[in-house]
PDB file of N, CA and C in Angstrom:
ATOM      1  N   MET A   1       0.908  -1.186   0.000  1.00  0.00           N
ATOM      2  CA  MET A   1       0.029  -0.043  -0.119  1.00  0.00           C
ATOM      3  C   MET A   1       0.920   1.263  -0.025  1.00  0.00           C
ATOM      4  N   LYS A   2       0.645   2.079  -0.869  1.00  0.00           N
ATOM      5  CA  LYS A   2       1.440   3.410  -0.866  1.00  0.00           C
ATOM      6  C   LYS A   2       0.560   4.652  -0.377  1.00  0.00           C
ATOM      7  N   ILE A   3       1.196   5.161   0.647  1.00  0.00           N
ATOM      8  CA  ILE A   3       0.549   6.325   1.226  1.00  0.00           C
ATOM      9  C   ILE A   3       1.194   7.503   0.894  1.00  0.00           C
ATOM     10  N   THR A   4       0.582   8.474   0.265  1.00  0.00           N
ATOM     11  CA  THR A   4       1.376   9.752  -0.067  1.00  0.00           C
ATOM     12  C   THR A   4       0.720  10.917   0.634  1.00  0.00           C
ATOM     13  N   ALA A   5       1.449  11.907   0.814  1.00  0.00           N
ATOM     14  CA  ALA A   5       1.191  13.011   1.556  1.00  0.00           C
ATOM     15  C   ALA A   5       2.011  14.347   0.934  1.00  0.00           C
ATOM     16  N   MET A   6       1.514  15.435   0.958  1.00  0.00           N
ATOM     17  CA  MET A   6       2.166  16.779   0.541  1.00  0.00           C
ATOM     18  C   MET A   6       2.840  17.293   1.787  1.00  0.00           C
ATOM     19  N   GLU A   7       4.095  17.392   1.586  1.00  0.00           N
ATOM     20  CA  GLU A   7       4.852  18.019   2.653  1.00  0.00           C
ATOM     21  C   GLU A   7       5.676  19.215   2.211  1.00  0.00           C
ATOM     22  N   GLN A   8       5.730  20.110   3.103  1.00  0.00           N
ATOM     23  CA  GLN A   8       6.365  21.392   2.672  1.00  0.00           C
ATOM     24  C   GLN A   8       7.866  21.141   3.199  1.00  0.00           C
ATOM     25  N   THR A   9       8.744  21.446   2.258  1.00  0.00           N
ATOM     26  CA  THR A   9      10.205  21.393   2.557  1.00  0.00           C
ATOM     27  C   THR A   9      10.977  22.695   2.228  1.00  0.00           C
ATOM     28  N   GLU A  10      11.960  22.929   2.997  1.00  0.00           N
ATOM     29  CA  GLU A  10      12.758  24.191   2.723  1.00  0.00           C
ATOM     30  C   GLU A  10      13.880  23.622   1.925  1.00  0.00           C
ATOM     31  N   LEU A  11      14.171  24.680   0.781  1.00  0.00           N
ATOM     32  CA  LEU A  11      15.252  24.363   0.028  1.00  0.00           C
ATOM     33  C   LEU A  11      16.001  25.561  -0.524  1.00  0.00           C
ATOM     34  N   VAL A  12      17.337  25.508  -0.626  1.00  0.00           N
ATOM     35  CA  VAL A  12      18.137  26.595  -0.916  1.00  0.00           C
ATOM     36  C   VAL A  12      17.931  26.929  -2.528  1.00  0.00           C
ATOM     37  N   SER A  13      17.418  28.176  -2.779  1.00  0.00           N
ATOM     38  CA  SER A  13      17.179  28.518  -4.169  1.00  0.00           C
ATOM     39  C   SER A  13      18.407  29.284  -4.783  1.00  0.00           C
ATOM     40  N   ASP A  14      19.131  29.860  -3.842  1.00  0.00           N
ATOM     41  CA  ASP A  14      20.274  30.610  -4.282  1.00  0.00           C
ATOM     42  C   ASP A  14      21.235  30.927  -3.130  1.00  0.00           C
ATOM     43  N   VAL A  15      22.536  31.170  -3.402  1.00  0.00           N
ATOM     44  CA  VAL A  15      23.443  31.534  -2.345  1.00  0.00           C
ATOM     45  C   VAL A  15      24.021  32.705  -2.939  1.00  0.00           C
ATOM     46  N   LEU A  16      23.949  33.909  -2.199  1.00  0.00           N
ATOM     47  CA  LEU A  16      24.705  35.159  -2.551  1.00  0.00           C
ATOM     48  C   LEU A  16      26.017  35.170  -1.863  1.00  0.00           C
ATOM     49  N   CYS A  17      26.946  35.667  -2.711  1.00  0.00           N
ATOM     50  CA  CYS A  17      28.319  35.883  -2.148  1.00  0.00           C
ATOM     51  C   CYS A  17      28.388  36.896  -1.056  1.00  0.00           C
ATOM     52  N   ASP A  18      28.931  36.641   0.115  1.00  0.00           N
ATOM     53  CA  ASP A  18      28.958  37.432   1.221  1.00  0.00           C
ATOM     54  C   ASP A  18      29.803  38.660   1.122  1.00  0.00           C
ATOM     55  N   VAL A  19      30.731  38.635  -0.027  1.00  0.00           N
ATOM     56  CA  VAL A  19      31.519  39.745  -0.233  1.00  0.00           C
ATOM     57  C   VAL A  19      31.092  40.895  -1.250  1.00  0.00           C
ATOM     58  N   CYS A  20      30.571  40.206  -2.435  1.00  0.00           N
ATOM     59  CA  CYS A  20      30.148  41.108  -3.440  1.00  0.00           C
ATOM     60  C   CYS A  20      28.653  41.181  -3.781  1.00  0.00           C
ATOM     61  N   GLY A  21      27.931  40.164  -2.997  1.00  0.00           N
ATOM     62  CA  GLY A  21      26.521  40.181  -3.143  1.00  0.00           C
ATOM     63  C   GLY A  21      25.923  39.607  -4.290  1.00  0.00           C
ATOM     64  N   ASP A  22      26.741  39.029  -5.307  1.00  0.00           N
ATOM     65  CA  ASP A  22      26.304  38.357  -6.511  1.00  0.00           C
ATOM     66  C   ASP A  22      25.841  37.010  -6.179  1.00  0.00           C
ATOM     67  N   SER A  23      24.848  36.566  -7.153  1.00  0.00           N
ATOM     68  CA  SER A  23      24.388  35.175  -7.079  1.00  0.00           C
ATOM     69  C   SER A  23      25.602  34.224  -7.391  1.00  0.00           C
ATOM     70  N   THR A  24      25.457  33.138  -6.867  1.00  0.00           N
ATOM     71  CA  THR A  24      26.492  32.070  -7.199  1.00  0.00           C
ATOM     72  C   THR A  24      25.962  31.018  -8.148  1.00  0.00           C
ATOM     73  N   ARG A  25      24.758  31.369  -8.668  1.00  0.00           N
ATOM     74  CA  ARG A  25      23.992  30.381  -9.549  1.00  0.00           C
ATOM     75  C   ARG A  25      24.607  30.488 -10.939  1.00  0.00           C
ATOM     76  N   VAL A  26      25.089  29.285 -11.464  1.00  0.00           N
ATOM     77  CA  VAL A  26      25.638  29.391 -12.932  1.00  0.00           C
ATOM     78  C   VAL A  26      24.491  28.549 -13.564  1.00  0.00           C
ATOM     79  N   GLU A  27      23.921  29.459 -14.670  1.00  0.00           N
ATOM     80  CA  GLU A  27      22.968  28.832 -15.502  1.00  0.00           C
ATOM     81  C   GLU A  27      23.205  27.648 -16.051  1.00  0.00           C
ATOM     82  N   GLY A  28      22.387  26.584 -15.785  1.00  0.00           N
ATOM     83  CA  GLY A  28      22.514  25.203 -16.202  1.00  0.00           C
ATOM     84  C   GLY A  28      23.403  24.354 -15.284  1.00  0.00           C
ATOM     85  N   TYR A  29      23.989  24.880 -14.388  1.00  0.00           N
ATOM     86  CA  TYR A  29      25.031  24.062 -13.531  1.00  0.00           C
ATOM     87  C   TYR A  29      24.729  24.215 -12.077  1.00  0.00           C
ATOM     88  N   GLY A  30      23.760  25.169 -11.613  1.00  0.00           N
ATOM     89  CA  GLY A  30      23.323  25.156 -10.238  1.00  0.00           C
ATOM     90  C   GLY A  30      24.225  26.185  -9.521  1.00  0.00           C
ATOM     91  N   LEU A  31      24.268  25.883  -8.179  1.00  0.00           N
ATOM     92  CA  LEU A  31      24.939  26.875  -7.262  1.00  0.00           C
ATOM     93  C   LEU A  31      26.489  26.400  -7.306  1.00  0.00           C
ATOM     94  N   GLN A  32      27.244  27.434  -7.598  1.00  0.00           N
ATOM     95  CA  GLN A  32      28.781  27.317  -7.652  1.00  0.00           C
ATOM     96  C   GLN A  32      29.393  28.223  -6.614  1.00  0.00           C
ATOM     97  N   PHE A  33      29.777  27.753  -5.405  1.00  0.00           N
ATOM     98  CA  PHE A  33      30.288  28.672  -4.456  1.00  0.00           C
ATOM     99  C   PHE A  33      31.288  27.980  -3.583  1.00  0.00           C
ATOM    100  N   GLY A  34      32.251  28.751  -2.874  1.00  0.00           N
ATOM    101  CA  GLY A  34      33.169  28.270  -1.932  1.00  0.00           C
ATOM    102  C   GLY A  34      32.719  28.693  -0.687  1.00  0.00           C
ATOM    103  N   THR A  35      33.253  27.893   0.487  1.00  0.00           N
ATOM    104  CA  THR A  35      32.823  28.357   1.719  1.00  0.00           C
ATOM    105  C   THR A  35      34.011  28.424   2.668  1.00  0.00           C
ATOM    106  N   PHE A  36      34.223  29.614   3.240  1.00  0.00           N
ATOM    107  CA  PHE A  36      35.195  29.877   4.365  1.00  0.00           C
ATOM    108  C   PHE A  36      34.600  29.555   5.683  1.00  0.00           C
ATOM    109  N   ARG A  37      35.060  28.640   6.418  1.00  0.00           N
ATOM    110  CA  ARG A  37      34.228  28.219   7.710  1.00  0.00           C
ATOM    111  C   ARG A  37      35.380  28.000   8.848  1.00  0.00           C
ATOM    112  N   ALA A  38      34.976  28.460   9.963  1.00  0.00           N
ATOM    113  CA  ALA A  38      35.693  28.246  11.268  1.00  0.00           C
ATOM    114  C   ALA A  38      34.747  27.853  12.446  1.00  0.00           C
ATOM    115  N   SER A  39      35.057  27.111  13.295  1.00  0.00           N
ATOM    116  CA  SER A  39      34.347  26.855  14.466  1.00  0.00           C
ATOM    117  C   SER A  39      35.472  26.729  15.643  1.00  0.00           C
ATOM    118  N   TRP A  40      35.365  27.743  16.556  1.00  0.00           N
ATOM    119  CA  TRP A  40      36.402  27.850  17.477  1.00  0.00           C
ATOM    120  C   TRP A  40      35.842  27.205  18.874  1.00  0.00           C
ATOM    121  N   GLY A  41      36.779  26.512  19.476  1.00  0.00           N
ATOM    122  CA  GLY A  41      36.572  25.599  20.703  1.00  0.00           C
ATOM    123  C   GLY A  41      37.204  26.192  21.827  1.00  0.00           C
ATOM    124  N   TYR A  42      37.217  25.334  22.864  1.00  0.00           N
ATOM    125  CA  TYR A  42      37.700  25.732  24.124  1.00  0.00           C
ATOM    126  C   TYR A  42      39.108  26.049  24.180  1.00  0.00           C
ATOM    127  N   GLY A  43      39.552  27.212  24.764  1.00  0.00           N
ATOM    128  CA  GLY A  43      40.913  27.591  24.830  1.00  0.00           C
ATOM    129  C   GLY A  43      41.167  28.602  23.760  1.00  0.00           C
ATOM    130  N   SER A  44      40.354  28.885  22.907  1.00  0.00           N
ATOM    131  CA  SER A  44      40.450  29.827  21.761  1.00  0.00           C
ATOM    132  C   SER A  44      40.015  31.160  22.275  1.00  0.00           C
ATOM    133  N   ALA A  45      40.593  32.217  21.671  1.00  0.00           N
ATOM    134  CA  ALA A  45      40.163  33.516  22.066  1.00  0.00           C
ATOM    135  C   ALA A  45      38.665  33.885  21.526  1.00  0.00           C
ATOM    136  N   HIS A  46      38.251  32.928  20.613  1.00  0.00           N
ATOM    137  CA  HIS A  46      36.997  33.030  20.157  1.00  0.00           C
ATOM    138  C   HIS A  46      36.042  31.834  20.470  1.00  0.00           C
ATOM    139  N   ASP A  47      36.255  31.329  21.607  1.00  0.00           N
ATOM    140  CA  ASP A  47      35.517  30.144  22.073  1.00  0.00           C
ATOM    141  C   ASP A  47      34.161  30.140  21.896  1.00  0.00           C
ATOM    142  N   GLY A  48      33.582  29.209  21.178  1.00  0.00           N
ATOM    143  CA  GLY A  48      32.122  29.003  21.088  1.00  0.00           C
ATOM    144  C   GLY A  48      31.500  29.890  19.716  1.00  0.00           C
ATOM    145  N   GLU A  49      32.530  30.557  19.067  1.00  0.00           N
ATOM    146  CA  GLU A  49      32.045  31.266  17.893  1.00  0.00           C
ATOM    147  C   GLU A  49      32.147  30.378  16.728  1.00  0.00           C
ATOM    148  N   ARG A  50      31.128  30.595  15.846  1.00  0.00           N
ATOM    149  CA  ARG A  50      31.305  29.854  14.442  1.00  0.00           C
ATOM    150  C   ARG A  50      31.154  30.867  13.322  1.00  0.00           C
ATOM    151  N   TYR A  51      31.806  30.536  12.237  1.00  0.00           N
ATOM    152  CA  TYR A  51      31.819  31.501  11.202  1.00  0.00           C
ATOM    153  C   TYR A  51      31.531  30.727   9.808  1.00  0.00           C
ATOM    154  N   GLU A  52      30.887  31.329   8.891  1.00  0.00           N
ATOM    155  CA  GLU A  52      30.701  30.650   7.679  1.00  0.00           C
ATOM    156  C   GLU A  52      30.433  31.802   6.673  1.00  0.00           C
ATOM    157  N   VAL A  53      31.379  32.052   5.599  1.00  0.00           N
ATOM    158  CA  VAL A  53      31.289  32.944   4.677  1.00  0.00           C
ATOM    159  C   VAL A  53      31.169  32.288   3.285  1.00  0.00           C
ATOM    160  N   HIS A  54      30.180  32.607   2.489  1.00  0.00           N
ATOM    161  CA  HIS A  54      29.911  32.062   1.175  1.00  0.00           C
ATOM    162  C   HIS A  54      30.494  32.947   0.175  1.00  0.00           C
ATOM    163  N   LEU A  55      31.295  32.381  -0.851  1.00  0.00           N
ATOM    164  CA  LEU A  55      32.135  33.206  -1.769  1.00  0.00           C
ATOM    165  C   LEU A  55      31.834  32.756  -3.164  1.00  0.00           C
ATOM    166  N   CYS A  56      31.468  33.715  -4.026  1.00  0.00           N
ATOM    167  CA  CYS A  56      31.353  33.417  -5.488  1.00  0.00           C
ATOM    168  C   CYS A  56      32.838  33.164  -6.113  1.00  0.00           C
ATOM    169  N   GLU A  57      32.836  32.452  -7.254  1.00  0.00           N
ATOM    170  CA  GLU A  57      34.171  32.062  -7.644  1.00  0.00           C
ATOM    171  C   GLU A  57      35.351  33.184  -7.695  1.00  0.00           C
ATOM    172  N   PRO A  58      34.991  34.353  -8.274  1.00  0.00           N
ATOM    173  CA  PRO A  58      36.002  35.540  -8.280  1.00  0.00           C
ATOM    174  C   PRO A  58      36.311  35.859  -6.914  1.00  0.00           C
ATOM    175  N   CYS A  59      35.313  35.963  -5.950  1.00  0.00           N
ATOM    176  CA  CYS A  59      35.796  36.387  -4.595  1.00  0.00           C
ATOM    177  C   CYS A  59      36.612  35.398  -3.953  1.00  0.00           C
ATOM    178  N   PHE A  60      36.332  34.030  -4.178  1.00  0.00           N
ATOM    179  CA  PHE A  60      36.956  32.847  -3.588  1.00  0.00           C
ATOM    180  C   PHE A  60      38.434  33.077  -3.925  1.00  0.00           C
ATOM    181  N   PHE A  61      38.704  33.208  -5.207  1.00  0.00           N
ATOM    182  CA  PHE A  61      40.143  33.259  -5.662  1.00  0.00           C
ATOM    183  C   PHE A  61      40.837  34.445  -5.380  1.00  0.00           C
ATOM    184  N   ARG A  62      40.241  35.617  -5.211  1.00  0.00           N
ATOM    185  CA  ARG A  62      40.772  36.712  -4.716  1.00  0.00           C
ATOM    186  C   ARG A  62      41.154  36.590  -3.263  1.00  0.00           C
ATOM    187  N   THR A  63      40.446  35.903  -2.415  1.00  0.00           N
ATOM    188  CA  THR A  63      40.585  35.719  -0.994  1.00  0.00           C
ATOM    189  C   THR A  63      41.757  34.605  -0.900  1.00  0.00           C
ATOM    190  N   LEU A  64      41.782  33.639  -1.828  1.00  0.00           N
ATOM    191  CA  LEU A  64      42.800  32.557  -1.788  1.00  0.00           C
ATOM    192  C   LEU A  64      44.168  33.259  -2.171  1.00  0.00           C
ATOM    193  N   SER A  65      44.101  34.150  -3.008  1.00  0.00           N
ATOM    194  CA  SER A  65      45.380  34.885  -3.580  1.00  0.00           C
ATOM    195  C   SER A  65      45.930  35.674  -2.517  1.00  0.00           C
ATOM    196  N   GLY A  66      44.955  36.298  -1.607  1.00  0.00           N
ATOM    197  CA  GLY A  66      45.399  37.021  -0.504  1.00  0.00           C
ATOM    198  C   GLY A  66      46.201  36.229   0.531  1.00  0.00           C
ATOM    199  N   LEU A  67      45.635  35.022   0.831  1.00  0.00           N
ATOM    200  CA  LEU A  67      46.151  34.108   1.781  1.00  0.00           C
ATOM    201  C   LEU A  67      47.458  33.398   1.305  1.00  0.00           C
ATOM    202  N   ARG A  68      47.605  33.291  -0.086  1.00  0.00           N
ATOM    203  CA  ARG A  68      48.690  32.697  -0.649  1.00  0.00           C
ATOM    204  C   ARG A  68      49.918  33.881  -0.425  1.00  0.00           C
ATOM    205  N   ARG A  69      49.559  35.184  -0.698  1.00  0.00           N
ATOM    206  CA  ARG A  69      50.497  36.241  -0.512  1.00  0.00           C
ATOM    207  C   ARG A  69      50.932  36.231   0.973  1.00  0.00           C
ATOM    208  N   GLU A  70      50.026  36.103   1.808  1.00  0.00           N
ATOM    209  CA  GLU A  70      50.372  36.156   3.242  1.00  0.00           C
ATOM    210  C   GLU A  70      51.403  34.946   3.594  1.00  0.00           C
ATOM    211  N   ARG A  71      51.018  33.779   3.069  1.00  0.00           N
ATOM    212  CA  ARG A  71      52.041  32.781   3.244  1.00  0.00           C
ATOM    213  C   ARG A  71      53.347  33.020   2.703  1.00  0.00           C
ATOM    214  N   MET A  72      53.549  33.529   1.631  1.00  0.00           N
ATOM    215  CA  MET A  72      54.721  33.907   0.811  1.00  0.00           C
ATOM    216  C   MET A  72      55.548  35.022   1.866  1.00  0.00           C
ATOM    217  N   VAL A  73      54.846  35.924   2.246  1.00  0.00           N
ATOM    218  CA  VAL A  73      55.596  36.920   3.088  1.00  0.00           C
ATOM    219  C   VAL A  73      55.953  36.291   4.430  1.00  0.00           C
ATOM    220  N   ASN A  74      55.227  35.333   5.078  1.00  0.00           N
ATOM    221  CA  ASN A  74      55.549  34.748   6.193  1.00  0.00           C
ATOM    222  C   ASN A  74      56.789  33.883   6.155  1.00  0.00           C
ATOM    223  N   PHE A  75      56.973  33.275   5.028  1.00  0.00           N
ATOM    224  CA  PHE A  75      58.281  32.478   4.612  1.00  0.00           C
ATOM    225  C   PHE A  75      59.264  32.910   3.683  1.00  0.00           C
ATOM    226  N   MET A  76      59.193  34.299   3.572  1.00  0.00           N
ATOM    227  CA  MET A  76      59.962  34.909   2.626  1.00  0.00           C
ATOM    228  C   MET A  76      61.450  34.800   2.765  1.00  0.00           C
ATOM    229  N   PHE A  77      61.886  34.680   3.944  1.00  0.00           N
ATOM    230  CA  PHE A  77      63.384  34.380   4.207  1.00  0.00           C
ATOM    231  C   PHE A  77      63.631  33.024   4.630  1.00  0.00           C
ATOM    232  N   SER A  78      62.685  32.072   4.398  1.00  0.00           N
ATOM    233  CA  SER A  78      62.996  30.751   4.786  1.00  0.00           C
ATOM    234  C   SER A  78      63.800  30.094   3.791  1.00  0.00           C
ATOM    235  N   ASP A  79      64.422  28.966   4.145  1.00  0.00           N
ATOM    236  CA  ASP A  79      65.358  28.286   3.238  1.00  0.00           C
ATOM    237  C   ASP A  79      64.564  27.285   2.382  1.00  0.00           C
ATOM    238  N   GLU A  80      63.283  27.023   2.920  1.00  0.00           N
ATOM    239  CA  GLU A  80      62.467  26.175   2.052  1.00  0.00           C
ATOM    240  C   GLU A  80      62.125  26.736   0.850  1.00  0.00           C
ATOM    241  N   ASP A  81      61.969  25.840  -0.122  1.00  0.00           N
ATOM    242  CA  ASP A  81      61.417  26.096  -1.514  1.00  0.00           C
ATOM    243  C   ASP A  81      60.001  26.332  -1.534  1.00  0.00           C
ATOM    244  N   GLN A  82      59.457  27.483  -1.816  1.00  0.00           N
ATOM    245  CA  GLN A  82      57.951  27.582  -1.641  1.00  0.00           C
ATOM    246  C   GLN A  82      57.283  27.614  -3.064  1.00  0.00           C
ATOM    247  N   ASP A  83      56.689  26.541  -3.388  1.00  0.00           N
ATOM    248  CA  ASP A  83      55.743  26.393  -4.553  1.00  0.00           C
ATOM    249  C   ASP A  83      54.326  26.527  -4.190  1.00  0.00           C
ATOM    250  N   LEU A  84      53.798  27.603  -4.417  1.00  0.00           N
ATOM    251  CA  LEU A  84      52.400  27.967  -3.808  1.00  0.00           C
ATOM    252  C   LEU A  84      51.503  27.828  -4.991  1.00  0.00           C
ATOM    253  N   SER A  85      51.798  27.360  -6.206  1.00  0.00           N
ATOM    254  CA  SER A  85      50.918  27.273  -7.328  1.00  0.00           C
ATOM    255  C   SER A  85      49.661  26.390  -7.040  1.00  0.00           C
ATOM    256  N   ASP A  86      49.615  25.507  -6.090  1.00  0.00           N
ATOM    257  CA  ASP A  86      48.630  24.618  -5.629  1.00  0.00           C
ATOM    258  C   ASP A  86      48.109  24.830  -4.303  1.00  0.00           C
ATOM    259  N   PHE A  87      48.446  26.045  -3.824  1.00  0.00           N
ATOM    260  CA  PHE A  87      48.130  26.383  -2.418  1.00  0.00           C
ATOM    261  C   PHE A  87      46.662  26.130  -2.089  1.00  0.00           C
ATOM    262  N   GLY A  88      46.224  25.371  -1.152  1.00  0.00           N
ATOM    263  CA  GLY A  88      44.776  25.035  -0.771  1.00  0.00           C
ATOM    264  C   GLY A  88      44.161  24.034  -1.493  1.00  0.00           C
ATOM    265  N   ARG A  89      44.681  23.800  -2.733  1.00  0.00           N
ATOM    266  CA  ARG A  89      43.875  22.712  -3.572  1.00  0.00           C
ATOM    267  C   ARG A  89      44.241  21.404  -3.015  1.00  0.00           C
ATOM    268  N   VAL A  90      43.031  20.533  -2.964  1.00  0.00           N
ATOM    269  CA  VAL A  90      43.131  19.214  -2.467  1.00  0.00           C
ATOM    270  C   VAL A  90      42.840  18.258  -3.607  1.00  0.00           C
ATOM    271  N   ALA A  91      42.350  18.712  -4.679  1.00  0.00           N
ATOM    272  CA  ALA A  91      42.018  17.710  -5.843  1.00  0.00           C
ATOM    273  C   ALA A  91      41.930  18.523  -7.060  1.00  0.00           C
ATOM    274  N   ARG A  92      42.097  17.872  -8.257  1.00  0.00           N
ATOM    275  CA  ARG A  92      41.935  18.519  -9.620  1.00  0.00           C
ATOM    276  C   ARG A  92      41.228  17.470 -10.413  1.00  0.00           C
ATOM    277  N   ASP A  93      40.384  17.953 -11.372  1.00  0.00           N
ATOM    278  CA  ASP A  93      39.690  17.057 -12.232  1.00  0.00           C
ATOM    279  C   ASP A  93      38.675  16.146 -11.419  1.00  0.00           C
ATOM    280  N   ASP A  94      38.306  16.629 -10.239  1.00  0.00           N
ATOM    281  CA  ASP A  94      37.305  15.794  -9.435  1.00  0.00           C
ATOM    282  C   ASP A  94      35.899  16.280  -9.728  1.00  0.00           C
ATOM    283  N   PHE A  95      35.443  16.108 -10.888  1.00  0.00           N
ATOM    284  CA  PHE A  95      34.223  16.625 -11.390  1.00  0.00           C
ATOM    285  C   PHE A  95      32.975  16.249 -10.606  1.00  0.00           C
ATOM    286  N   PHE A  96      33.006  15.136 -10.071  1.00  0.00           N
ATOM    287  CA  PHE A  96      31.860  14.455  -9.289  1.00  0.00           C
ATOM    288  C   PHE A  96      32.053  14.501  -7.685  1.00  0.00           C
ATOM    289  N   ASN A  97      33.115  15.274  -7.404  1.00  0.00           N
ATOM    290  CA  ASN A  97      33.410  15.414  -5.904  1.00  0.00           C
ATOM    291  C   ASN A  97      33.442  14.053  -5.199  1.00  0.00           C
ATOM    292  N   ASP A  98      34.130  13.092  -5.864  1.00  0.00           N
ATOM    293  CA  ASP A  98      34.168  11.646  -5.311  1.00  0.00           C
ATOM    294  C   ASP A  98      35.395  11.268  -4.820  1.00  0.00           C
ATOM    295  N   GLY A  99      36.501  12.273  -4.905  1.00  0.00           N
ATOM    296  CA  GLY A  99      37.790  11.949  -4.525  1.00  0.00           C
ATOM    297  C   GLY A  99      38.488  10.976  -5.271  1.00  0.00           C
ATOM    298  N   ASP A 100      38.042  10.785  -6.510  1.00  0.00           N
ATOM    299  CA  ASP A 100      38.645   9.858  -7.408  1.00  0.00           C
ATOM    300  C   ASP A 100      39.747  10.390  -8.304  1.00  0.00           C
ATOM    301  N   SER A 101      40.276  11.483  -7.926  1.00  0.00           N
ATOM    302  CA  SER A 101      41.253  12.087  -8.770  1.00  0.00           C
ATOM    303  C   SER A 101      42.480  12.440  -7.837  1.00  0.00           C
ATOM    304  N   ALA A 102      43.622  12.820  -8.403  1.00  0.00           N
ATOM    305  CA  ALA A 102      44.886  13.269  -7.716  1.00  0.00           C
ATOM    306  C   ALA A 102      45.087  14.683  -8.101  1.00  0.00           C
ATOM    307  N   THR A 103      45.825  15.429  -7.107  1.00  0.00           N
ATOM    308  CA  THR A 103      46.179  16.778  -7.239  1.00  0.00           C
ATOM    309  C   THR A 103      47.276  16.795  -8.217  1.00  0.00           C
ATOM    310  N   SER A 104      47.231  17.819  -9.186  1.00  0.00           N
ATOM    311  CA  SER A 104      48.255  18.063 -10.152  1.00  0.00           C
ATOM    312  C   SER A 104      47.944  17.344 -11.443  1.00  0.00           C
TER     313      SER A 104
END
């Protein structure tokens, strides 16, 4: 026996970039955005605070560029060779977000 009922559900129809305010919807491909997230715990100066910032693709890569620059400055006089071309990237060609691809 099949029992059906109409239920009201909440669904995300769009995500706006928290920096520039643009929609992250790409026509035909859905929502395309990055998330900058933190959850601070006991002992932290920000104990109990949680942050989540949604970024469109241009704002995400501008933010990543700023972090990469910060890293470069912090290690400017280090003897370590700094290749920051893949800074922050954990996968490439992982079109289905299934972890079945390697970085680079």
